[in-house]
Amino acid sequence: MYIPKVHKGLSNSAAIQFAQKYSFALLNSIIDDQIESCHLPLEIEEKEGQLVITGHIARANKLSEAILGQNSATCIFSEPHAYVSSSWYNHVNVPTWNYIAVHMIGKLRKLDGKELLRSLEKMVEHYEEGRKDRYRISDMSEDMLVAHLQGLTGFELEVIEANYKLSQNRNDTDYKNVIKMLMDSDNNWEQEIAKEMLALRPSLK
């Protein structure tokens, strides 16, 4: 992913917050000279300063070959994006597109049985939080759990590269005007972009 210098500098904490908020990601790897991709929910945490994501796929999924082979892979987290009209600036310019995307690039590592179970428990706890009569992995019988785990391939991936493309190169006047125009939109994603832009420059509140 091309990252201009002005758009670099996303902290680990900001990357974690974004990946947790938009956790349904795209896993990509190359197998037999072909790009294989899979949409799936992922978990993220920081271990000794290193960002780590974990997830699982069906063992029958071709990407299992990439995990077993410890292939290089890229996980892409992306959601809100918005068109930015050049008419929103106080000078003549070209229109652009604001977006947030976090790429996590590294080598895949297969999770062993206990690691996979912990990963599943963590994911279920995440998505069941706050639900009435919440479900837990421990609700499954031992036989059902063993059968389920046998049909999965769990993985871990380290390293992160991040890109926030949110008009960081604009002066405060243009930046504030873009926020206002996006916030006034009926499009939820455009409103989300406005909120993320404001978070980068809280002094404009």
N, C-alpha and C. Protein backbone atom coordinates (compact mmCIF):
# COMPACT_ATOMS: atom_id res chain seq x y z
N MET A 1 0.84 -1.18 0.00
CA MET A 1 0.00 0.00 0.00
C MET A 1 0.88 1.24 0.00
N TYR A 2 0.65 2.15 -0.96
CA TYR A 2 1.43 3.38 -1.03
C TYR A 2 1.02 4.31 0.11
N ILE A 3 2.01 4.80 0.85
CA ILE A 3 1.72 5.67 1.99
C ILE A 3 2.55 6.95 1.89
N PRO A 4 1.95 8.06 1.44
CA PRO A 4 2.68 9.33 1.46
C PRO A 4 3.10 9.68 2.88
N LYS A 5 4.23 10.39 3.03
CA LYS A 5 4.76 10.70 4.35
C LYS A 5 3.74 11.42 5.23
N VAL A 6 2.94 12.30 4.63
CA VAL A 6 1.99 13.09 5.40
C VAL A 6 0.90 12.23 6.02
N HIS A 7 0.70 11.01 5.47
CA HIS A 7 -0.36 10.14 5.97
C HIS A 7 0.15 9.03 6.87
N LYS A 8 1.44 9.05 7.19
CA LYS A 8 2.01 8.03 8.07
C LYS A 8 1.88 8.43 9.53
N GLY A 9 2.30 7.53 10.41
CA GLY A 9 2.37 7.88 11.82
C GLY A 9 1.23 7.39 12.67
N LEU A 10 0.46 6.40 12.21
CA LEU A 10 -0.64 5.86 13.01
C LEU A 10 -0.06 5.05 14.17
N SER A 11 -0.46 5.38 15.39
CA SER A 11 0.07 4.71 16.57
C SER A 11 -0.55 3.32 16.72
N ASN A 12 0.12 2.48 17.53
CA ASN A 12 -0.43 1.15 17.80
C ASN A 12 -1.81 1.23 18.43
N SER A 13 -1.99 2.15 19.36
CA SER A 13 -3.28 2.27 20.04
C SER A 13 -4.37 2.68 19.06
N ALA A 14 -4.07 3.58 18.12
CA ALA A 14 -5.05 4.01 17.13
C ALA A 14 -5.38 2.87 16.18
N ALA A 15 -4.34 2.10 15.80
CA ALA A 15 -4.56 0.96 14.91
C ALA A 15 -5.43 -0.10 15.58
N ILE A 16 -5.18 -0.35 16.87
CA ILE A 16 -5.97 -1.33 17.61
C ILE A 16 -7.42 -0.87 17.70
N GLN A 17 -7.61 0.39 18.02
CA GLN A 17 -8.97 0.93 18.15
C GLN A 17 -9.73 0.78 16.82
N PHE A 18 -9.06 1.08 15.72
CA PHE A 18 -9.71 0.98 14.42
C PHE A 18 -10.02 -0.46 14.06
N ALA A 19 -9.04 -1.36 14.26
CA ALA A 19 -9.23 -2.77 13.91
C ALA A 19 -10.29 -3.44 14.77
N GLN A 20 -10.45 -2.98 16.00
CA GLN A 20 -11.50 -3.53 16.85
C GLN A 20 -12.87 -3.02 16.42
N LYS A 21 -12.91 -1.79 15.96
CA LYS A 21 -14.18 -1.19 15.54
C LYS A 21 -14.64 -1.77 14.21
N TYR A 22 -13.69 -2.02 13.31
CA TYR A 22 -14.01 -2.55 11.98
C TYR A 22 -13.30 -3.90 11.82
N SER A 23 -13.71 -4.87 12.62
CA SER A 23 -12.96 -6.12 12.77
C SER A 23 -13.21 -7.15 11.68
N PHE A 24 -14.19 -6.91 10.80
CA PHE A 24 -14.44 -7.86 9.71
C PHE A 24 -13.50 -7.49 8.57
N ALA A 25 -12.45 -8.28 8.41
CA ALA A 25 -11.35 -7.89 7.53
C ALA A 25 -11.20 -8.84 6.34
N LEU A 26 -10.20 -8.56 5.53
CA LEU A 26 -9.91 -9.37 4.34
C LEU A 26 -8.51 -9.94 4.47
N LEU A 27 -8.40 -11.26 4.48
CA LEU A 27 -7.11 -11.95 4.54
C LEU A 27 -6.69 -12.34 3.13
N ASN A 28 -5.45 -11.98 2.75
CA ASN A 28 -4.94 -12.27 1.41
C ASN A 28 -3.58 -12.96 1.49
N SER A 29 -3.39 -13.97 0.66
CA SER A 29 -2.09 -14.60 0.53
C SER A 29 -1.99 -15.21 -0.86
N ILE A 30 -0.77 -15.54 -1.28
CA ILE A 30 -0.56 -16.12 -2.61
C ILE A 30 -0.30 -17.62 -2.47
N ILE A 31 -1.08 -18.41 -3.21
CA ILE A 31 -0.92 -19.86 -3.24
C ILE A 31 -0.88 -20.30 -4.70
N ASP A 32 0.19 -20.97 -5.07
CA ASP A 32 0.35 -21.44 -6.46
C ASP A 32 0.20 -20.29 -7.45
N ASP A 33 0.83 -19.17 -7.14
CA ASP A 33 0.84 -17.98 -8.01
C ASP A 33 -0.53 -17.33 -8.17
N GLN A 34 -1.47 -17.67 -7.32
CA GLN A 34 -2.79 -17.06 -7.34
C GLN A 34 -3.07 -16.38 -6.00
N ILE A 35 -3.71 -15.21 -6.05
CA ILE A 35 -4.09 -14.53 -4.82
C ILE A 35 -5.37 -15.17 -4.29
N GLU A 36 -5.30 -15.65 -3.07
CA GLU A 36 -6.47 -16.20 -2.39
C GLU A 36 -6.90 -15.23 -1.30
N SER A 37 -8.20 -15.01 -1.19
CA SER A 37 -8.72 -14.04 -0.22
C SER A 37 -9.89 -14.63 0.55
N CYS A 38 -10.08 -14.10 1.75
CA CYS A 38 -11.17 -14.57 2.59
C CYS A 38 -11.61 -13.44 3.53
N HIS A 39 -12.92 -13.19 3.61
CA HIS A 39 -13.46 -12.22 4.56
C HIS A 39 -13.73 -12.91 5.88
N LEU A 40 -13.28 -12.33 6.98
CA LEU A 40 -13.45 -12.98 8.28
C LEU A 40 -13.25 -11.98 9.42
N PRO A 41 -13.83 -12.26 10.59
CA PRO A 41 -13.59 -11.41 11.76
C PRO A 41 -12.23 -11.73 12.36
N LEU A 42 -11.54 -10.72 12.87
CA LEU A 42 -10.22 -10.90 13.44
C LEU A 42 -10.12 -10.21 14.79
N GLU A 43 -9.26 -10.72 15.64
CA GLU A 43 -8.98 -10.12 16.93
C GLU A 43 -7.57 -9.52 16.90
N ILE A 44 -7.38 -8.45 17.65
CA ILE A 44 -6.09 -7.77 17.66
C ILE A 44 -5.69 -7.42 19.09
N GLU A 45 -4.40 -7.49 19.37
CA GLU A 45 -3.87 -7.07 20.66
C GLU A 45 -2.40 -6.69 20.51
N GLU A 46 -1.87 -6.06 21.53
CA GLU A 46 -0.46 -5.67 21.53
C GLU A 46 0.29 -6.53 22.53
N LYS A 47 1.36 -7.16 22.08
CA LYS A 47 2.20 -7.99 22.94
C LYS A 47 3.63 -7.46 22.91
N GLU A 48 4.06 -6.90 24.01
CA GLU A 48 5.42 -6.36 24.13
C GLU A 48 5.74 -5.40 22.98
N GLY A 49 4.80 -4.51 22.69
CA GLY A 49 5.00 -3.51 21.66
C GLY A 49 4.73 -3.98 20.25
N GLN A 50 4.43 -5.26 20.08
CA GLN A 50 4.17 -5.84 18.76
C GLN A 50 2.68 -6.10 18.58
N LEU A 51 2.12 -5.59 17.50
CA LEU A 51 0.72 -5.84 17.21
C LEU A 51 0.55 -7.25 16.65
N VAL A 52 -0.43 -7.97 17.17
CA VAL A 52 -0.69 -9.35 16.76
C VAL A 52 -2.17 -9.52 16.48
N ILE A 53 -2.50 -10.12 15.37
CA ILE A 53 -3.89 -10.42 15.08
C ILE A 53 -4.05 -11.94 14.99
N THR A 54 -5.22 -12.41 15.39
CA THR A 54 -5.51 -13.84 15.33
C THR A 54 -6.88 -14.06 14.70
N GLY A 55 -7.05 -15.22 14.13
CA GLY A 55 -8.32 -15.57 13.52
C GLY A 55 -8.34 -17.05 13.17
N HIS A 56 -9.38 -17.47 12.49
CA HIS A 56 -9.47 -18.87 12.06
C HIS A 56 -10.31 -18.97 10.80
N ILE A 57 -10.05 -20.01 10.04
CA ILE A 57 -10.82 -20.30 8.83
C ILE A 57 -11.15 -21.78 8.82
N ALA A 58 -12.05 -22.17 7.93
CA ALA A 58 -12.36 -23.59 7.77
C ALA A 58 -11.13 -24.31 7.24
N ARG A 59 -10.87 -25.48 7.76
CA ARG A 59 -9.70 -26.24 7.33
C ARG A 59 -9.74 -26.51 5.82
N ALA A 60 -10.96 -26.61 5.26
CA ALA A 60 -11.10 -26.87 3.83
C ALA A 60 -10.78 -25.65 2.98
N ASN A 61 -10.71 -24.47 3.59
CA ASN A 61 -10.39 -23.24 2.87
C ASN A 61 -8.97 -23.34 2.32
N LYS A 62 -8.79 -22.94 1.07
CA LYS A 62 -7.48 -23.05 0.43
C LYS A 62 -6.42 -22.25 1.16
N LEU A 63 -6.82 -21.19 1.87
CA LEU A 63 -5.86 -20.39 2.62
C LEU A 63 -5.22 -21.17 3.77
N SER A 64 -5.79 -22.32 4.12
CA SER A 64 -5.15 -23.17 5.13
C SER A 64 -3.76 -23.57 4.68
N GLU A 65 -3.57 -23.72 3.36
CA GLU A 65 -2.25 -24.06 2.83
C GLU A 65 -1.25 -22.96 3.14
N ALA A 66 -1.71 -21.70 3.05
CA ALA A 66 -0.83 -20.57 3.33
C ALA A 66 -0.44 -20.53 4.80
N ILE A 67 -1.38 -20.88 5.67
CA ILE A 67 -1.11 -20.89 7.11
C ILE A 67 -0.12 -22.00 7.45
N LEU A 68 -0.37 -23.19 6.94
CA LEU A 68 0.51 -24.31 7.21
C LEU A 68 1.91 -24.08 6.65
N GLY A 69 1.98 -23.35 5.53
CA GLY A 69 3.26 -23.06 4.90
C GLY A 69 3.94 -21.81 5.44
N GLN A 70 3.31 -21.16 6.42
CA GLN A 70 3.83 -19.92 7.00
C GLN A 70 4.11 -18.87 5.92
N ASN A 71 3.16 -18.77 5.00
CA ASN A 71 3.29 -17.80 3.91
C ASN A 71 3.17 -16.37 4.41
N SER A 72 3.66 -15.43 3.62
CA SER A 72 3.39 -14.02 3.88
C SER A 72 1.92 -13.75 3.57
N ALA A 73 1.34 -12.83 4.32
CA ALA A 73 -0.08 -12.53 4.11
C ALA A 73 -0.35 -11.08 4.49
N THR A 74 -1.46 -10.57 4.01
CA THR A 74 -1.90 -9.22 4.34
C THR A 74 -3.35 -9.27 4.80
N CYS A 75 -3.61 -8.69 5.96
CA CYS A 75 -4.98 -8.52 6.44
C CYS A 75 -5.34 -7.05 6.28
N ILE A 76 -6.45 -6.79 5.64
CA ILE A 76 -6.86 -5.41 5.36
C ILE A 76 -8.13 -5.08 6.13
N PHE A 77 -8.01 -4.09 7.01
CA PHE A 77 -9.16 -3.57 7.74
C PHE A 77 -9.56 -2.25 7.07
N SER A 78 -10.78 -2.14 6.61
CA SER A 78 -11.20 -0.88 6.00
C SER A 78 -12.72 -0.76 6.08
N GLU A 79 -13.19 0.43 6.31
CA GLU A 79 -14.63 0.65 6.32
C GLU A 79 -14.98 2.05 5.83
N PRO A 80 -14.92 3.07 6.71
CA PRO A 80 -15.45 4.36 6.27
C PRO A 80 -14.59 5.01 5.19
N HIS A 81 -15.26 5.60 4.24
CA HIS A 81 -14.59 6.36 3.19
C HIS A 81 -15.57 7.40 2.68
N ALA A 82 -15.06 8.44 2.05
CA ALA A 82 -15.95 9.52 1.61
C ALA A 82 -15.30 10.34 0.50
N TYR A 83 -16.12 10.76 -0.44
CA TYR A 83 -15.70 11.67 -1.50
C TYR A 83 -15.57 13.07 -0.92
N VAL A 84 -14.50 13.76 -1.27
CA VAL A 84 -14.27 15.13 -0.80
C VAL A 84 -14.25 16.05 -2.02
N SER A 85 -15.24 16.91 -2.10
CA SER A 85 -15.35 17.83 -3.24
C SER A 85 -14.35 18.96 -3.13
N SER A 86 -13.76 19.33 -4.25
CA SER A 86 -12.81 20.45 -4.25
C SER A 86 -13.51 21.78 -3.99
N SER A 87 -14.84 21.80 -4.12
CA SER A 87 -15.58 23.04 -3.86
C SER A 87 -15.62 23.37 -2.37
N TRP A 88 -15.18 22.43 -1.54
CA TRP A 88 -15.18 22.65 -0.09
C TRP A 88 -13.93 23.39 0.38
N TYR A 89 -12.95 23.60 -0.52
CA TYR A 89 -11.73 24.30 -0.17
C TYR A 89 -11.89 25.80 -0.43
N ASN A 90 -10.99 26.59 0.13
CA ASN A 90 -11.04 28.03 -0.11
C ASN A 90 -10.16 28.43 -1.29
N HIS A 91 -9.82 27.44 -2.13
CA HIS A 91 -9.00 27.70 -3.31
C HIS A 91 -9.30 26.61 -4.35
N VAL A 92 -8.87 26.83 -5.58
CA VAL A 92 -9.10 25.86 -6.64
C VAL A 92 -8.18 24.66 -6.44
N ASN A 93 -8.74 23.46 -6.48
CA ASN A 93 -7.96 22.24 -6.32
C ASN A 93 -8.71 21.10 -6.96
N VAL A 94 -8.22 19.88 -6.79
CA VAL A 94 -8.89 18.72 -7.36
C VAL A 94 -9.64 17.96 -6.26
N PRO A 95 -10.73 17.27 -6.61
CA PRO A 95 -11.42 16.46 -5.61
C PRO A 95 -10.57 15.26 -5.20
N THR A 96 -10.89 14.66 -4.08
CA THR A 96 -10.12 13.52 -3.60
C THR A 96 -11.04 12.56 -2.85
N TRP A 97 -10.43 11.56 -2.25
CA TRP A 97 -11.19 10.57 -1.50
C TRP A 97 -10.52 10.37 -0.15
N ASN A 98 -11.27 10.53 0.92
CA ASN A 98 -10.75 10.28 2.26
C ASN A 98 -11.16 8.88 2.70
N TYR A 99 -10.25 8.18 3.34
CA TYR A 99 -10.54 6.82 3.78
C TYR A 99 -9.61 6.44 4.92
N ILE A 100 -9.98 5.38 5.61
CA ILE A 100 -9.11 4.81 6.62
C ILE A 100 -8.91 3.35 6.28
N ALA A 101 -7.68 2.92 6.22
CA ALA A 101 -7.36 1.51 5.97
C ALA A 101 -6.15 1.13 6.79
N VAL A 102 -6.21 -0.03 7.38
CA VAL A 102 -5.07 -0.54 8.15
C VAL A 102 -4.68 -1.88 7.52
N HIS A 103 -3.43 -1.95 7.06
CA HIS A 103 -2.90 -3.19 6.50
C HIS A 103 -1.98 -3.84 7.53
N MET A 104 -2.20 -5.10 7.80
CA MET A 104 -1.31 -5.85 8.68
C MET A 104 -0.62 -6.91 7.85
N ILE A 105 0.68 -6.77 7.75
CA ILE A 105 1.46 -7.59 6.82
C ILE A 105 2.50 -8.38 7.60
N GLY A 106 2.59 -9.66 7.35
CA GLY A 106 3.58 -10.48 8.03
C GLY A 106 3.47 -11.93 7.62
N LYS A 107 4.09 -12.81 8.35
CA LYS A 107 4.04 -14.24 8.05
C LYS A 107 3.00 -14.92 8.93
N LEU A 108 2.25 -15.82 8.33
CA LEU A 108 1.23 -16.56 9.06
C LEU A 108 1.86 -17.64 9.93
N ARG A 109 1.27 -17.86 11.09
CA ARG A 109 1.69 -18.95 11.96
C ARG A 109 0.45 -19.70 12.43
N LYS A 110 0.48 -21.01 12.32
CA LYS A 110 -0.65 -21.82 12.73
C LYS A 110 -0.75 -21.86 14.25
N LEU A 111 -1.96 -21.71 14.76
CA LEU A 111 -2.19 -21.82 16.20
C LEU A 111 -2.39 -23.28 16.57
N ASP A 112 -1.79 -23.70 17.67
CA ASP A 112 -2.01 -25.07 18.12
C ASP A 112 -3.38 -25.17 18.77
N GLY A 113 -3.75 -26.37 19.24
CA GLY A 113 -5.09 -26.60 19.76
C GLY A 113 -5.50 -25.66 20.88
N LYS A 114 -4.63 -25.49 21.88
CA LYS A 114 -4.94 -24.63 23.01
C LYS A 114 -5.00 -23.17 22.59
N GLU A 115 -4.09 -22.76 21.71
CA GLU A 115 -4.09 -21.39 21.23
C GLU A 115 -5.35 -21.10 20.43
N LEU A 116 -5.76 -22.05 19.60
CA LEU A 116 -6.97 -21.88 18.80
C LEU A 116 -8.19 -21.75 19.70
N LEU A 117 -8.25 -22.58 20.72
CA LEU A 117 -9.38 -22.51 21.66
C LEU A 117 -9.43 -21.16 22.35
N ARG A 118 -8.28 -20.67 22.81
CA ARG A 118 -8.24 -19.35 23.46
C ARG A 118 -8.67 -18.26 22.50
N SER A 119 -8.25 -18.39 21.24
CA SER A 119 -8.62 -17.40 20.22
C SER A 119 -10.13 -17.40 20.00
N LEU A 120 -10.73 -18.58 19.93
CA LEU A 120 -12.18 -18.68 19.74
C LEU A 120 -12.92 -18.09 20.94
N GLU A 121 -12.45 -18.42 22.13
CA GLU A 121 -13.09 -17.91 23.35
C GLU A 121 -13.04 -16.38 23.38
N LYS A 122 -11.89 -15.83 23.01
CA LYS A 122 -11.75 -14.38 23.01
C LYS A 122 -12.69 -13.73 22.00
N MET A 123 -12.80 -14.31 20.81
CA MET A 123 -13.66 -13.76 19.78
C MET A 123 -15.13 -13.82 20.18
N VAL A 124 -15.54 -14.96 20.72
CA VAL A 124 -16.93 -15.09 21.13
C VAL A 124 -17.26 -14.12 22.27
N GLU A 125 -16.34 -13.99 23.24
CA GLU A 125 -16.56 -13.05 24.34
C GLU A 125 -16.70 -11.63 23.81
N HIS A 126 -15.91 -11.30 22.81
CA HIS A 126 -15.95 -9.96 22.21
C HIS A 126 -17.32 -9.67 21.62
N TYR A 127 -17.83 -10.58 20.80
CA TYR A 127 -19.08 -10.32 20.09
C TYR A 127 -20.33 -10.62 20.92
N GLU A 128 -20.19 -11.38 21.98
CA GLU A 128 -21.33 -11.67 22.84
C GLU A 128 -21.49 -10.64 23.97
N GLU A 129 -20.49 -9.80 24.14
CA GLU A 129 -20.52 -8.84 25.24
C GLU A 129 -21.78 -7.97 25.18
N GLY A 130 -22.46 -7.88 26.31
CA GLY A 130 -23.64 -7.03 26.39
C GLY A 130 -24.92 -7.69 25.91
N ARG A 131 -24.84 -8.90 25.38
CA ARG A 131 -26.04 -9.58 24.89
C ARG A 131 -26.76 -10.28 26.04
N LYS A 132 -28.07 -10.31 25.96
CA LYS A 132 -28.86 -11.04 26.94
C LYS A 132 -28.69 -12.53 26.69
N ASP A 133 -28.58 -13.31 27.77
CA ASP A 133 -28.39 -14.77 27.64
C ASP A 133 -27.20 -15.06 26.74
N ARG A 134 -26.06 -14.42 27.00
CA ARG A 134 -24.90 -14.53 26.13
C ARG A 134 -24.39 -15.97 26.03
N TYR A 135 -23.85 -16.27 24.88
CA TYR A 135 -23.32 -17.60 24.58
C TYR A 135 -21.83 -17.65 24.92
N ARG A 136 -21.37 -18.79 25.37
CA ARG A 136 -19.95 -19.00 25.65
C ARG A 136 -19.51 -20.32 25.05
N ILE A 137 -18.24 -20.39 24.67
CA ILE A 137 -17.69 -21.62 24.11
C ILE A 137 -17.88 -22.78 25.08
N SER A 138 -17.84 -22.48 26.36
CA SER A 138 -17.99 -23.53 27.38
C SER A 138 -19.38 -24.15 27.37
N ASP A 139 -20.33 -23.52 26.67
CA ASP A 139 -21.68 -24.08 26.57
C ASP A 139 -21.71 -25.32 25.67
N MET A 140 -20.67 -25.48 24.83
CA MET A 140 -20.61 -26.63 23.92
C MET A 140 -20.18 -27.88 24.70
N SER A 141 -20.70 -29.03 24.25
CA SER A 141 -20.24 -30.28 24.84
C SER A 141 -18.80 -30.55 24.40
N GLU A 142 -18.10 -31.38 25.14
CA GLU A 142 -16.71 -31.69 24.81
C GLU A 142 -16.61 -32.29 23.41
N ASP A 143 -17.51 -33.21 23.08
CA ASP A 143 -17.48 -33.85 21.76
C ASP A 143 -17.72 -32.83 20.65
N MET A 144 -18.67 -31.93 20.86
CA MET A 144 -18.98 -30.92 19.85
C MET A 144 -17.80 -29.97 19.67
N LEU A 145 -17.18 -29.59 20.78
CA LEU A 145 -16.04 -28.67 20.72
C LEU A 145 -14.87 -29.30 19.97
N VAL A 146 -14.55 -30.55 20.28
CA VAL A 146 -13.44 -31.25 19.62
C VAL A 146 -13.71 -31.35 18.12
N ALA A 147 -14.93 -31.71 17.75
CA ALA A 147 -15.28 -31.84 16.34
C ALA A 147 -15.17 -30.49 15.62
N HIS A 148 -15.59 -29.44 16.31
CA HIS A 148 -15.54 -28.10 15.72
C HIS A 148 -14.10 -27.66 15.50
N LEU A 149 -13.25 -27.85 16.51
CA LEU A 149 -11.85 -27.44 16.40
C LEU A 149 -11.13 -28.20 15.29
N GLN A 150 -11.50 -29.44 15.08
CA GLN A 150 -10.85 -30.24 14.03
C GLN A 150 -11.16 -29.72 12.64
N GLY A 151 -12.24 -28.97 12.51
CA GLY A 151 -12.61 -28.43 11.21
C GLY A 151 -12.07 -27.04 10.94
N LEU A 152 -11.23 -26.52 11.86
CA LEU A 152 -10.72 -25.16 11.74
C LEU A 152 -9.20 -25.12 11.65
N THR A 153 -8.71 -24.07 11.02
CA THR A 153 -7.28 -23.75 11.04
C THR A 153 -7.13 -22.36 11.63
N GLY A 154 -6.54 -22.28 12.81
CA GLY A 154 -6.33 -20.99 13.44
C GLY A 154 -4.99 -20.41 13.04
N PHE A 155 -4.88 -19.09 13.08
CA PHE A 155 -3.62 -18.45 12.68
C PHE A 155 -3.36 -17.19 13.48
N GLU A 156 -2.09 -16.80 13.45
CA GLU A 156 -1.62 -15.55 14.04
C GLU A 156 -0.78 -14.84 13.00
N LEU A 157 -0.84 -13.50 13.02
CA LEU A 157 -0.02 -12.72 12.09
C LEU A 157 0.45 -11.46 12.80
N GLU A 158 1.75 -11.14 12.63
CA GLU A 158 2.34 -9.96 13.24
C GLU A 158 2.66 -8.90 12.18
N VAL A 159 3.07 -7.74 12.65
CA VAL A 159 3.53 -6.60 11.84
C VAL A 159 2.33 -5.78 11.35
N ILE A 160 2.52 -4.48 11.33
CA ILE A 160 1.44 -3.60 10.86
C ILE A 160 1.98 -2.45 10.03
N GLU A 161 1.21 -2.11 9.04
CA GLU A 161 1.46 -0.91 8.23
C GLU A 161 0.12 -0.20 8.14
N ALA A 162 0.09 1.09 8.41
CA ALA A 162 -1.19 1.77 8.50
C ALA A 162 -1.22 3.04 7.66
N ASN A 163 -2.42 3.39 7.20
CA ASN A 163 -2.58 4.57 6.37
C ASN A 163 -3.91 5.24 6.70
N TYR A 164 -3.80 6.45 7.21
CA TYR A 164 -4.99 7.28 7.38
C TYR A 164 -4.95 8.34 6.29
N LYS A 165 -5.90 8.33 5.38
CA LYS A 165 -5.97 9.35 4.34
C LYS A 165 -7.14 10.26 4.68
N LEU A 166 -6.85 11.28 5.51
CA LEU A 166 -7.92 12.11 6.04
C LEU A 166 -7.61 13.60 5.91
N SER A 167 -7.16 14.00 4.73
CA SER A 167 -6.91 15.42 4.46
C SER A 167 -5.89 16.03 5.41
N GLN A 168 -4.92 15.22 5.88
CA GLN A 168 -3.92 15.74 6.82
C GLN A 168 -3.09 16.87 6.22
N ASN A 169 -3.03 16.93 4.88
CA ASN A 169 -2.21 17.94 4.22
C ASN A 169 -2.94 19.27 4.03
N ARG A 170 -4.18 19.37 4.54
CA ARG A 170 -4.95 20.59 4.37
C ARG A 170 -4.80 21.53 5.57
N ASN A 171 -4.91 22.83 5.30
CA ASN A 171 -4.85 23.80 6.39
C ASN A 171 -6.11 23.69 7.25
N ASP A 172 -6.10 24.33 8.42
CA ASP A 172 -7.21 24.19 9.36
C ASP A 172 -8.54 24.67 8.77
N THR A 173 -8.50 25.71 7.97
CA THR A 173 -9.74 26.24 7.40
C THR A 173 -10.40 25.22 6.48
N ASP A 174 -9.61 24.68 5.55
CA ASP A 174 -10.15 23.67 4.63
C ASP A 174 -10.53 22.40 5.38
N TYR A 175 -9.69 22.03 6.33
CA TYR A 175 -9.92 20.81 7.10
C TYR A 175 -11.25 20.89 7.85
N LYS A 176 -11.47 22.03 8.49
CA LYS A 176 -12.71 22.23 9.25
C LYS A 176 -13.92 22.25 8.33
N ASN A 177 -13.78 22.81 7.15
CA ASN A 177 -14.90 22.88 6.21
C ASN A 177 -15.25 21.49 5.68
N VAL A 178 -14.22 20.67 5.42
CA VAL A 178 -14.48 19.31 4.98
C VAL A 178 -15.23 18.54 6.06
N ILE A 179 -14.83 18.71 7.31
CA ILE A 179 -15.52 18.06 8.43
C ILE A 179 -16.99 18.47 8.46
N LYS A 180 -17.25 19.77 8.31
CA LYS A 180 -18.63 20.26 8.37
C LYS A 180 -19.47 19.66 7.25
N MET A 181 -18.93 19.64 6.03
CA MET A 181 -19.70 19.14 4.89
C MET A 181 -19.99 17.64 5.04
N LEU A 182 -19.01 16.90 5.54
CA LEU A 182 -19.21 15.46 5.73
C LEU A 182 -20.17 15.19 6.89
N MET A 183 -20.07 15.98 7.94
CA MET A 183 -20.95 15.79 9.10
C MET A 183 -22.40 16.09 8.74
N ASP A 184 -22.62 17.01 7.81
CA ASP A 184 -23.98 17.37 7.38
C ASP A 184 -24.58 16.35 6.42
N SER A 185 -23.79 15.39 5.99
CA SER A 185 -24.26 14.38 5.03
C SER A 185 -25.23 13.40 5.70
N ASP A 186 -26.09 12.79 4.89
CA ASP A 186 -26.99 11.74 5.38
C ASP A 186 -26.31 10.37 5.35
N ASN A 187 -25.11 10.32 4.79
CA ASN A 187 -24.37 9.07 4.66
C ASN A 187 -23.60 8.78 5.95
N ASN A 188 -23.89 7.63 6.57
CA ASN A 188 -23.25 7.30 7.85
C ASN A 188 -21.74 7.22 7.74
N TRP A 189 -21.22 6.66 6.64
CA TRP A 189 -19.77 6.54 6.48
C TRP A 189 -19.12 7.91 6.39
N GLU A 190 -19.77 8.84 5.69
CA GLU A 190 -19.21 10.19 5.57
C GLU A 190 -19.19 10.86 6.94
N GLN A 191 -20.22 10.62 7.75
CA GLN A 191 -20.22 11.16 9.10
C GLN A 191 -19.10 10.54 9.94
N GLU A 192 -18.84 9.23 9.75
CA GLU A 192 -17.76 8.56 10.46
C GLU A 192 -16.41 9.16 10.10
N ILE A 193 -16.22 9.43 8.80
CA ILE A 193 -14.97 10.06 8.36
C ILE A 193 -14.80 11.42 9.03
N ALA A 194 -15.88 12.18 9.11
CA ALA A 194 -15.81 13.49 9.76
C ALA A 194 -15.39 13.35 11.22
N LYS A 195 -15.93 12.36 11.93
CA LYS A 195 -15.58 12.14 13.33
C LYS A 195 -14.11 11.74 13.48
N GLU A 196 -13.63 10.90 12.57
CA GLU A 196 -12.23 10.48 12.63
C GLU A 196 -11.31 11.65 12.33
N MET A 197 -11.70 12.52 11.39
CA MET A 197 -10.90 13.71 11.09
C MET A 197 -10.83 14.63 12.30
N LEU A 198 -11.96 14.79 12.97
CA LEU A 198 -11.99 15.66 14.15
C LEU A 198 -11.14 15.09 15.27
N ALA A 199 -11.09 13.77 15.36
CA ALA A 199 -10.26 13.12 16.38
C ALA A 199 -8.78 13.40 16.14
N LEU A 200 -8.39 13.59 14.87
CA LEU A 200 -6.99 13.89 14.55
C LEU A 200 -6.63 15.34 14.89
N ARG A 201 -7.62 16.23 14.83
CA ARG A 201 -7.39 17.63 15.18
C ARG A 201 -8.45 18.12 16.17
N PRO A 202 -8.39 17.63 17.40
CA PRO A 202 -9.41 17.99 18.40
C PRO A 202 -9.48 19.48 18.69
N SER A 203 -8.44 20.23 18.35
CA SER A 203 -8.42 21.67 18.61
C SER A 203 -9.48 22.40 17.77
N LEU A 204 -10.00 21.72 16.74
CA LEU A 204 -10.98 22.34 15.85
C LEU A 204 -12.40 22.18 16.37
N LYS A 205 -12.58 21.48 17.49
CA LYS A 205 -13.92 21.29 18.05
C LYS A 205 -14.51 22.64 18.48
